[in-house]
Amino acid sequence: MLTTTNTATDHGENSYEQVYNNDNFEENKASFGHELIAGGAAFAGFKAFEDHQRKEGSSPRPLLPKPAH
C-alpha cells in the first residue's frame, strides 16, 4: 500500500501561492511578444517536421489549409 504525506500537497499549495497570490503577479505574466515568438517557433518546428516527413516519403497531416479554388 502506498502511503502519502501532506508534504507533497503542502509543497504544491505553497508553490501555487508563491506564483499566483503575490504582489508581482502582473510582472510575471507573459507578454504578447513572448507569446508571438513562441507561436512562431512552434509553427516553424512543425513545418520542419512536415518537410522531413515529405522527404522520407510519408504524407503528413496538412498544417496549412488548402488554397481555395
N, C-alpha and C. Protein backbone atom coordinates (compact mmCIF):
# COMPACT_ATOMS: atom_id res chain seq x y z
N MET A 1 0.84 -1.18 0.00
CA MET A 1 0.00 0.00 0.00
C MET A 1 0.89 1.25 0.00
N LEU A 2 0.56 2.19 -0.84
CA LEU A 2 1.34 3.41 -0.96
C LEU A 2 0.79 4.43 0.02
N THR A 3 1.66 4.96 0.84
CA THR A 3 1.23 5.98 1.78
C THR A 3 1.73 7.33 1.30
N THR A 4 0.92 8.32 1.45
CA THR A 4 1.31 9.67 1.07
C THR A 4 1.29 10.56 2.29
N THR A 5 2.10 11.55 2.23
CA THR A 5 2.12 12.53 3.31
C THR A 5 1.62 13.85 2.77
N ASN A 6 1.38 14.74 3.64
CA ASN A 6 0.92 16.07 3.23
C ASN A 6 2.06 16.92 2.70
N THR A 7 3.27 16.41 2.74
CA THR A 7 4.42 17.19 2.30
C THR A 7 4.28 17.57 0.83
N ALA A 8 3.92 16.63 -0.03
CA ALA A 8 3.78 16.93 -1.45
C ALA A 8 2.64 17.92 -1.68
N THR A 9 1.53 17.72 -0.99
CA THR A 9 0.40 18.62 -1.13
C THR A 9 0.76 20.02 -0.63
N ASP A 10 1.41 20.07 0.52
CA ASP A 10 1.83 21.36 1.08
C ASP A 10 2.78 22.07 0.13
N HIS A 11 3.71 21.31 -0.46
CA HIS A 11 4.67 21.91 -1.39
C HIS A 11 3.94 22.48 -2.60
N GLY A 12 2.96 21.73 -3.13
CA GLY A 12 2.19 22.20 -4.27
C GLY A 12 1.39 23.45 -3.94
N GLU A 13 0.77 23.45 -2.79
CA GLU A 13 -0.01 24.62 -2.38
C GLU A 13 0.89 25.83 -2.16
N ASN A 14 2.04 25.60 -1.55
CA ASN A 14 2.98 26.71 -1.34
C ASN A 14 3.47 27.26 -2.67
N SER A 15 3.75 26.38 -3.62
CA SER A 15 4.21 26.83 -4.94
C SER A 15 3.12 27.64 -5.64
N TYR A 16 1.88 27.16 -5.54
CA TYR A 16 0.76 27.88 -6.15
C TYR A 16 0.62 29.28 -5.54
N GLU A 17 0.66 29.34 -4.23
CA GLU A 17 0.55 30.63 -3.53
C GLU A 17 1.68 31.57 -3.94
N GLN A 18 2.86 31.03 -4.07
CA GLN A 18 4.02 31.85 -4.41
C GLN A 18 3.89 32.43 -5.82
N VAL A 19 3.31 31.67 -6.74
CA VAL A 19 3.19 32.13 -8.11
C VAL A 19 2.00 33.05 -8.31
N TYR A 20 0.83 32.64 -7.82
CA TYR A 20 -0.40 33.35 -8.17
C TYR A 20 -0.88 34.37 -7.15
N ASN A 21 -0.54 34.21 -5.91
CA ASN A 21 -1.04 35.13 -4.89
C ASN A 21 0.10 35.96 -4.33
N ASN A 22 0.72 36.72 -5.20
CA ASN A 22 1.77 37.61 -4.75
C ASN A 22 1.56 39.00 -5.35
N ASP A 23 2.31 39.94 -4.89
CA ASP A 23 2.16 41.32 -5.36
C ASP A 23 2.74 41.54 -6.75
N ASN A 24 3.59 40.63 -7.23
CA ASN A 24 4.26 40.80 -8.52
C ASN A 24 3.63 39.96 -9.62
N PHE A 25 2.38 39.52 -9.44
CA PHE A 25 1.75 38.64 -10.42
C PHE A 25 1.70 39.29 -11.80
N GLU A 26 1.37 40.56 -11.88
CA GLU A 26 1.28 41.24 -13.17
C GLU A 26 2.64 41.27 -13.87
N GLU A 27 3.72 41.37 -13.11
CA GLU A 27 5.05 41.39 -13.70
C GLU A 27 5.44 40.03 -14.25
N ASN A 28 4.86 38.95 -13.74
CA ASN A 28 5.24 37.60 -14.15
C ASN A 28 4.40 37.08 -15.31
N LYS A 29 3.44 37.84 -15.78
CA LYS A 29 2.62 37.39 -16.90
C LYS A 29 3.42 37.44 -18.20
N ALA A 30 3.09 36.54 -19.12
CA ALA A 30 3.75 36.53 -20.42
C ALA A 30 3.29 37.75 -21.23
N SER A 31 4.19 38.30 -21.98
CA SER A 31 3.82 39.43 -22.83
C SER A 31 3.38 38.91 -24.19
N PHE A 32 2.69 39.74 -24.93
CA PHE A 32 2.24 39.35 -26.26
C PHE A 32 3.43 39.01 -27.15
N GLY A 33 4.52 39.75 -27.01
CA GLY A 33 5.71 39.49 -27.82
C GLY A 33 6.28 38.10 -27.57
N HIS A 34 6.32 37.70 -26.31
CA HIS A 34 6.83 36.36 -25.98
C HIS A 34 5.91 35.28 -26.56
N GLU A 35 4.61 35.50 -26.46
CA GLU A 35 3.67 34.51 -26.98
C GLU A 35 3.75 34.44 -28.50
N LEU A 36 3.97 35.57 -29.15
CA LEU A 36 4.11 35.61 -30.60
C LEU A 36 5.36 34.85 -31.04
N ILE A 37 6.46 35.06 -30.35
CA ILE A 37 7.71 34.36 -30.67
C ILE A 37 7.54 32.85 -30.45
N ALA A 38 6.90 32.47 -29.36
CA ALA A 38 6.67 31.05 -29.07
C ALA A 38 5.79 30.41 -30.14
N GLY A 39 4.77 31.12 -30.57
CA GLY A 39 3.89 30.60 -31.62
C GLY A 39 4.64 30.43 -32.94
N GLY A 40 5.47 31.41 -33.27
CA GLY A 40 6.28 31.32 -34.50
C GLY A 40 7.26 30.16 -34.44
N ALA A 41 7.88 29.96 -33.28
CA ALA A 41 8.83 28.85 -33.12
C ALA A 41 8.11 27.51 -33.24
N ALA A 42 6.93 27.40 -32.68
CA ALA A 42 6.16 26.16 -32.77
C ALA A 42 5.77 25.88 -34.22
N PHE A 43 5.33 26.91 -34.92
CA PHE A 43 4.95 26.76 -36.33
C PHE A 43 6.15 26.31 -37.16
N ALA A 44 7.29 26.97 -36.97
CA ALA A 44 8.50 26.62 -37.72
C ALA A 44 8.94 25.18 -37.43
N GLY A 45 8.86 24.78 -36.17
CA GLY A 45 9.24 23.42 -35.81
C GLY A 45 8.33 22.38 -36.44
N PHE A 46 7.04 22.64 -36.43
CA PHE A 46 6.10 21.69 -37.01
C PHE A 46 6.26 21.64 -38.52
N LYS A 47 6.52 22.79 -39.14
CA LYS A 47 6.74 22.82 -40.59
C LYS A 47 7.99 22.04 -40.95
N ALA A 48 9.05 22.17 -40.17
CA ALA A 48 10.27 21.41 -40.42
C ALA A 48 10.00 19.91 -40.28
N PHE A 49 9.18 19.53 -39.31
CA PHE A 49 8.81 18.13 -39.14
C PHE A 49 8.04 17.62 -40.35
N GLU A 50 7.09 18.41 -40.84
CA GLU A 50 6.34 18.03 -42.04
C GLU A 50 7.25 17.89 -43.24
N ASP A 51 8.18 18.83 -43.41
CA ASP A 51 9.12 18.76 -44.53
C ASP A 51 9.96 17.49 -44.44
N HIS A 52 10.37 17.12 -43.25
CA HIS A 52 11.14 15.89 -43.04
C HIS A 52 10.29 14.67 -43.41
N GLN A 53 9.01 14.67 -43.02
CA GLN A 53 8.13 13.55 -43.37
C GLN A 53 7.98 13.43 -44.89
N ARG A 54 7.83 14.56 -45.56
CA ARG A 54 7.70 14.53 -47.02
C ARG A 54 8.97 13.97 -47.65
N LYS A 55 10.12 14.38 -47.13
CA LYS A 55 11.41 13.92 -47.65
C LYS A 55 11.54 12.40 -47.49
N GLU A 56 10.98 11.86 -46.41
CA GLU A 56 11.04 10.43 -46.16
C GLU A 56 9.96 9.66 -46.91
N GLY A 57 9.07 10.36 -47.61
CA GLY A 57 8.05 9.71 -48.40
C GLY A 57 6.71 9.55 -47.70
N SER A 58 6.59 10.06 -46.50
CA SER A 58 5.33 9.97 -45.76
C SER A 58 4.46 11.18 -46.11
N SER A 59 3.17 11.03 -45.95
CA SER A 59 2.25 12.13 -46.22
C SER A 59 1.77 12.71 -44.90
N PRO A 60 2.31 13.85 -44.49
CA PRO A 60 1.91 14.44 -43.20
C PRO A 60 0.52 15.04 -43.27
N ARG A 61 -0.09 15.17 -42.09
CA ARG A 61 -1.36 15.88 -41.99
C ARG A 61 -1.08 17.35 -42.29
N PRO A 62 -1.87 18.01 -43.12
CA PRO A 62 -1.55 19.39 -43.51
C PRO A 62 -1.61 20.37 -42.34
N LEU A 63 -0.59 21.21 -42.27
CA LEU A 63 -0.53 22.26 -41.26
C LEU A 63 -1.29 23.49 -41.75
N LEU A 64 -1.13 23.79 -43.02
CA LEU A 64 -1.79 24.95 -43.59
C LEU A 64 -3.05 24.50 -44.35
N PRO A 65 -4.07 25.34 -44.36
CA PRO A 65 -5.28 24.96 -45.10
C PRO A 65 -5.00 24.92 -46.60
N LYS A 66 -5.76 24.08 -47.30
CA LYS A 66 -5.62 24.02 -48.74
C LYS A 66 -6.14 25.32 -49.35
N PRO A 67 -5.48 25.81 -50.40
CA PRO A 67 -5.96 27.05 -51.01
C PRO A 67 -7.33 26.86 -51.67
N ALA A 68 -8.15 27.91 -51.58
CA ALA A 68 -9.48 27.86 -52.19
C ALA A 68 -9.35 28.01 -53.70
N HIS A 69 -10.19 27.30 -54.43
CA HIS A 69 -10.14 27.38 -55.89
C HIS A 69 -11.18 28.33 -56.39
